[in-house]
Amino acid sequence: MKQLIARIDDDLHARLKQRAAFEGRSLNALVTETLEGAAPPREETPQAWLRRRAHERGVRLLGPADQPSDPAELDRVIEANRGLGPFIDEFIEEDRRDRF
């Protein structure tokens, strides 16, 4: 495992440390994940990368082909995911911010 030393200003360091604490993980884990997003494996598409990150956080993203055909099952899935919209919006926004 390689070690990377980077010079960052005090404010950025404080914000990263605060975010890591808020998410209940180490600063190193946060920085590693952010850098990983900047250079995903070549064989991984951006969509696959997003799905993998969501899965690692316990979120399952459904595509059009994954939707249940049974209306009762679709209602159950919708109800089980009620309230996740803001979280998903924030997750996607973080993903975009980390990438660009």
C-alpha atoms as a PDB file:
ATOM      1  CA  MET A   1       0.000   0.000   0.000  1.00  0.00           C
ATOM      2  CA  LYS A   2       1.339   3.410  -1.009  1.00  0.00           C
ATOM      3  CA  GLN A   3       1.250   6.519   1.102  1.00  0.00           C
ATOM      4  CA  LEU A   4       0.384   9.902  -0.418  1.00  0.00           C
ATOM      5  CA  ILE A   5       1.357  13.200   1.137  1.00  0.00           C
ATOM      6  CA  ALA A   6      -0.526  16.268  -0.078  1.00  0.00           C
ATOM      7  CA  ARG A   7      -0.407  19.850   1.069  1.00  0.00           C
ATOM      8  CA  ILE A   8      -3.868  21.300   1.640  1.00  0.00           C
ATOM      9  CA  ASP A   9      -4.933  24.465   3.397  1.00  0.00           C
ATOM     10  CA  ASP A  10      -6.125  24.369   6.996  1.00  0.00           C
ATOM     11  CA  ASP A  11      -9.737  25.191   6.101  1.00  0.00           C
ATOM     12  CA  LEU A  12     -10.027  22.302   3.633  1.00  0.00           C
ATOM     13  CA  HIS A  13      -8.466  19.926   6.166  1.00  0.00           C
ATOM     14  CA  ALA A  14     -10.940  21.054   8.832  1.00  0.00           C
ATOM     15  CA  ARG A  15     -13.909  20.589   6.459  1.00  0.00           C
ATOM     16  CA  LEU A  16     -12.755  17.122   5.434  1.00  0.00           C
ATOM     17  CA  LYS A  17     -12.193  16.129   9.043  1.00  0.00           C
ATOM     18  CA  GLN A  18     -15.650  17.431  10.002  1.00  0.00           C
ATOM     19  CA  ARG A  19     -17.329  15.559   7.143  1.00  0.00           C
ATOM     20  CA  ALA A  20     -15.498  12.328   8.013  1.00  0.00           C
ATOM     21  CA  ALA A  21     -16.590  12.655  11.648  1.00  0.00           C
ATOM     22  CA  PHE A  22     -20.174  13.367  10.564  1.00  0.00           C
ATOM     23  CA  GLU A  23     -20.138  10.188   8.444  1.00  0.00           C
ATOM     24  CA  GLY A  24     -18.539   8.189  11.256  1.00  0.00           C
ATOM     25  CA  ARG A  25     -15.368   7.248   9.431  1.00  0.00           C
ATOM     26  CA  SER A  26     -11.746   8.227   9.249  1.00  0.00           C
ATOM     27  CA  LEU A  27     -10.356  11.139   7.301  1.00  0.00           C
ATOM     28  CA  ASN A  28      -8.188   8.668   5.413  1.00  0.00           C
ATOM     29  CA  ALA A  29     -11.253   6.637   4.343  1.00  0.00           C
ATOM     30  CA  LEU A  30     -13.020   9.789   3.127  1.00  0.00           C
ATOM     31  CA  VAL A  31     -10.011  11.019   1.138  1.00  0.00           C
ATOM     32  CA  THR A  32      -9.363   7.556  -0.329  1.00  0.00           C
ATOM     33  CA  GLU A  33     -12.978   7.227  -1.510  1.00  0.00           C
ATOM     34  CA  THR A  34     -12.907  10.717  -3.001  1.00  0.00           C
ATOM     35  CA  LEU A  35      -9.681  10.020  -4.877  1.00  0.00           C
ATOM     36  CA  GLU A  36     -11.057   6.662  -6.012  1.00  0.00           C
ATOM     37  CA  GLY A  37     -13.970   8.525  -7.589  1.00  0.00           C
ATOM     38  CA  ALA A  38     -11.540  10.704  -9.521  1.00  0.00           C
ATOM     39  CA  ALA A  39      -9.845   7.653 -11.033  1.00  0.00           C
ATOM     40  CA  PRO A  40     -12.209   4.645 -11.100  1.00  0.00           C
ATOM     41  CA  PRO A  41     -10.881   1.379 -12.566  1.00  0.00           C
ATOM     42  CA  ARG A  42     -10.841   1.539 -16.361  1.00  0.00           C
ATOM     43  CA  GLU A  43     -13.180  -1.422 -16.700  1.00  0.00           C
ATOM     44  CA  GLU A  44     -15.802   0.192 -14.459  1.00  0.00           C
ATOM     45  CA  THR A  45     -18.321   2.496 -16.134  1.00  0.00           C
ATOM     46  CA  PRO A  46     -19.474   5.608 -14.255  1.00  0.00           C
ATOM     47  CA  GLN A  47     -22.872   3.934 -13.763  1.00  0.00           C
ATOM     48  CA  ALA A  48     -21.252   0.778 -12.354  1.00  0.00           C
ATOM     49  CA  TRP A  49     -19.095   2.908 -10.073  1.00  0.00           C
ATOM     50  CA  LEU A  50     -22.176   4.738  -8.749  1.00  0.00           C
ATOM     51  CA  ARG A  51     -24.042   1.456  -8.208  1.00  0.00           C
ATOM     52  CA  ARG A  52     -21.019  -0.018  -6.371  1.00  0.00           C
ATOM     53  CA  ARG A  53     -20.730   3.040  -4.107  1.00  0.00           C
ATOM     54  CA  ALA A  54     -24.460   2.956  -3.400  1.00  0.00           C
ATOM     55  CA  HIS A  55     -24.286  -0.768  -2.614  1.00  0.00           C
ATOM     56  CA  GLU A  56     -21.358  -0.192  -0.238  1.00  0.00           C
ATOM     57  CA  ARG A  57     -23.552   2.297   1.625  1.00  0.00           C
ATOM     58  CA  GLY A  58     -26.507  -0.078   1.762  1.00  0.00           C
ATOM     59  CA  VAL A  59     -28.522   1.550  -1.030  1.00  0.00           C
ATOM     60  CA  ARG A  60     -29.895  -0.458  -3.957  1.00  0.00           C
ATOM     61  CA  LEU A  61     -30.485   1.550  -7.116  1.00  0.00           C
ATOM     62  CA  LEU A  62     -33.141   0.199  -9.460  1.00  0.00           C
ATOM     63  CA  GLY A  63     -33.086   0.737 -13.172  1.00  0.00           C
ATOM     64  CA  PRO A  64     -36.117   0.500 -15.448  1.00  0.00           C
ATOM     65  CA  ALA A  65     -35.472  -3.196 -16.138  1.00  0.00           C
ATOM     66  CA  ASP A  66     -35.306  -3.943 -12.384  1.00  0.00           C
ATOM     67  CA  GLN A  67     -38.786  -2.662 -11.566  1.00  0.00           C
ATOM     68  CA  PRO A  68     -41.259  -5.284 -10.369  1.00  0.00           C
ATOM     69  CA  SER A  69     -44.014  -6.108 -12.865  1.00  0.00           C
ATOM     70  CA  ASP A  70     -46.547  -6.962 -10.127  1.00  0.00           C
ATOM     71  CA  PRO A  71     -48.330  -3.737  -9.070  1.00  0.00           C
ATOM     72  CA  ALA A  72     -48.564  -4.879  -5.418  1.00  0.00           C
ATOM     73  CA  GLU A  73     -44.829  -5.575  -5.329  1.00  0.00           C
ATOM     74  CA  LEU A  74     -44.118  -2.206  -6.940  1.00  0.00           C
ATOM     75  CA  ASP A  75     -46.243  -0.514  -4.257  1.00  0.00           C
ATOM     76  CA  ARG A  76     -44.314  -2.407  -1.557  1.00  0.00           C
ATOM     77  CA  VAL A  77     -40.955  -1.311  -3.000  1.00  0.00           C
ATOM     78  CA  ILE A  78     -42.109   2.302  -3.276  1.00  0.00           C
ATOM     79  CA  GLU A  79     -43.338   2.294   0.326  1.00  0.00           C
ATOM     80  CA  ALA A  80     -40.116   0.670   1.570  1.00  0.00           C
ATOM     81  CA  ASN A  81     -38.109   3.449  -0.065  1.00  0.00           C
ATOM     82  CA  ARG A  82     -40.357   6.352   0.907  1.00  0.00           C
ATOM     83  CA  GLY A  83     -38.291   9.249   2.256  1.00  0.00           C
ATOM     84  CA  LEU A  84     -35.034   8.199   0.602  1.00  0.00           C
ATOM     85  CA  GLY A  85     -35.332  10.807  -2.170  1.00  0.00           C
ATOM     86  CA  PRO A  86     -33.400  13.556  -0.349  1.00  0.00           C
ATOM     87  CA  PHE A  87     -30.701  11.059   0.634  1.00  0.00           C
ATOM     88  CA  ILE A  88     -30.366   9.826  -2.950  1.00  0.00           C
ATOM     89  CA  ASP A  89     -30.301  13.417  -4.245  1.00  0.00           C
ATOM     90  CA  GLU A  90     -27.514  14.237  -1.778  1.00  0.00           C
ATOM     91  CA  PHE A  91     -25.664  11.030  -2.680  1.00  0.00           C
ATOM     92  CA  ILE A  92     -25.773  11.851  -6.404  1.00  0.00           C
ATOM     93  CA  GLU A  93     -24.748  15.461  -5.762  1.00  0.00           C
ATOM     94  CA  GLU A  94     -21.786  14.280  -3.653  1.00  0.00           C
ATOM     95  CA  ASP A  95     -20.843  11.866  -6.405  1.00  0.00           C
ATOM     96  CA  ARG A  96     -20.884  14.636  -9.007  1.00  0.00           C
ATOM     97  CA  ARG A  97     -18.961  16.996  -6.737  1.00  0.00           C
ATOM     98  CA  ASP A  98     -16.328  14.318  -6.042  1.00  0.00           C
ATOM     99  CA  ARG A  99     -15.886  13.606  -9.756  1.00  0.00           C
ATOM    100  CA  PHE A 100     -15.657  17.145 -11.116  1.00  0.00           C
END
